[in-house]
Amino acid sequence: MTTAESASRDQRQVEKIIFLVQADPVLQPHAPNVQVTIEDATVALRGELPNHSAKNALFLAVRQAGVLDQISDYVRVSEAISHTA
């Protein structure tokens, strides 16, 4: 697979995940707060979500997109932050 083919495949994967995030009723209001990238064949999730239920929904969306492993989780949960403050 060429570098261009690999980049194209990665872009399609990111677009599929973003589509599923935007279509999910739990995640839809928070979609602008979530960034999805592919880094070294790993899906990297960044951003902030309001609670663990939303974070679980995000991981479900990623799995629905066909990613079963190789996920880097950099998503913060606001709920956890507010309890410690």
Protein backbone atom coordinates (compact mmCIF):
# COMPACT_ATOMS: atom_id res chain seq x y z
CA MET A 1 0.00 0.00 0.00
CA THR A 2 1.38 3.38 -0.97
CA THR A 3 1.57 6.33 1.40
CA ALA A 4 -1.26 8.04 -0.52
CA GLU A 5 -3.46 4.93 -0.27
CA SER A 6 -2.76 4.66 3.43
CA ALA A 7 -3.57 8.34 4.00
CA SER A 8 -6.78 7.96 2.01
CA ARG A 9 -7.81 4.90 4.04
CA ASP A 10 -7.06 6.75 7.29
CA GLN A 11 -9.10 9.75 6.16
CA ARG A 12 -12.08 7.52 5.30
CA GLN A 13 -11.82 5.89 8.73
CA VAL A 14 -11.78 9.28 10.49
CA GLU A 15 -14.76 10.47 8.42
CA LYS A 16 -16.72 7.33 9.29
CA ILE A 17 -16.06 7.79 13.01
CA ILE A 18 -17.01 11.48 12.86
CA PHE A 19 -20.21 10.61 10.99
CA LEU A 20 -21.17 8.09 13.68
CA VAL A 21 -20.35 10.58 16.46
CA GLN A 22 -22.52 13.24 14.81
CA ALA A 23 -25.36 10.75 14.30
CA ASP A 24 -25.36 9.55 17.92
CA PRO A 25 -28.02 11.37 19.98
CA VAL A 26 -25.81 11.34 23.11
CA LEU A 27 -22.71 12.59 21.30
CA GLN A 28 -24.26 14.93 18.75
CA PRO A 29 -24.32 18.03 21.02
CA HIS A 30 -20.69 17.37 21.99
CA ALA A 31 -19.33 16.46 18.54
CA PRO A 32 -17.53 19.82 18.16
CA ASN A 33 -15.60 19.03 21.37
CA VAL A 34 -14.18 15.75 20.05
CA GLN A 35 -11.23 15.43 17.68
CA VAL A 36 -10.47 12.18 15.87
CA THR A 37 -7.14 11.58 14.15
CA ILE A 38 -5.08 8.60 13.01
CA GLU A 39 -1.53 8.59 14.33
CA ASP A 40 0.79 5.69 13.50
CA ALA A 41 -2.16 3.38 12.67
CA THR A 42 -3.84 4.24 15.97
CA VAL A 43 -7.10 6.15 16.35
CA ALA A 44 -6.44 9.09 18.69
CA LEU A 45 -9.43 10.61 20.48
CA ARG A 46 -9.06 14.06 22.04
CA GLY A 47 -11.40 16.55 23.60
CA GLU A 48 -13.80 16.83 26.48
CA LEU A 49 -17.12 15.19 27.20
CA PRO A 50 -19.55 15.94 30.04
CA ASN A 51 -19.71 12.47 31.61
CA HIS A 52 -18.63 8.86 31.40
CA SER A 53 -21.82 7.85 29.56
CA ALA A 54 -20.87 10.15 26.70
CA LYS A 55 -17.32 8.78 26.72
CA ASN A 56 -18.68 5.23 26.55
CA ALA A 57 -20.90 6.28 23.62
CA LEU A 58 -17.80 7.65 21.88
CA PHE A 59 -15.99 4.33 22.21
CA LEU A 60 -19.08 2.51 20.92
CA ALA A 61 -19.13 4.79 17.86
CA VAL A 62 -15.44 4.07 17.22
CA ARG A 63 -16.08 0.33 17.46
CA GLN A 64 -19.10 0.63 15.15
CA ALA A 65 -16.75 2.21 12.63
CA GLY A 66 -14.72 -1.01 12.70
CA VAL A 67 -11.91 -0.03 15.09
CA LEU A 68 -11.65 -2.71 17.74
CA ASP A 69 -8.22 -1.94 19.14
CA GLN A 70 -5.42 0.58 18.71
CA ILE A 71 -7.28 3.48 20.31
CA SER A 72 -5.45 6.23 22.18
CA ASP A 73 -7.77 7.90 24.67
CA TYR A 74 -6.99 11.54 25.48
CA VAL A 75 -10.62 12.52 26.20
CA ARG A 76 -11.29 14.32 29.48
CA VAL A 77 -14.56 13.96 31.35
CA SER A 78 -15.83 17.29 32.76
CA GLU A 79 -17.89 15.54 35.42
CA ALA A 80 -14.74 14.01 36.94
CA ILE A 81 -12.94 17.34 36.82
CA SER A 82 -15.74 19.21 38.59
CA HIS A 83 -15.88 16.66 41.43
CA THR A 84 -12.21 17.13 42.27
CA ALA A 85 -12.27 20.93 42.08
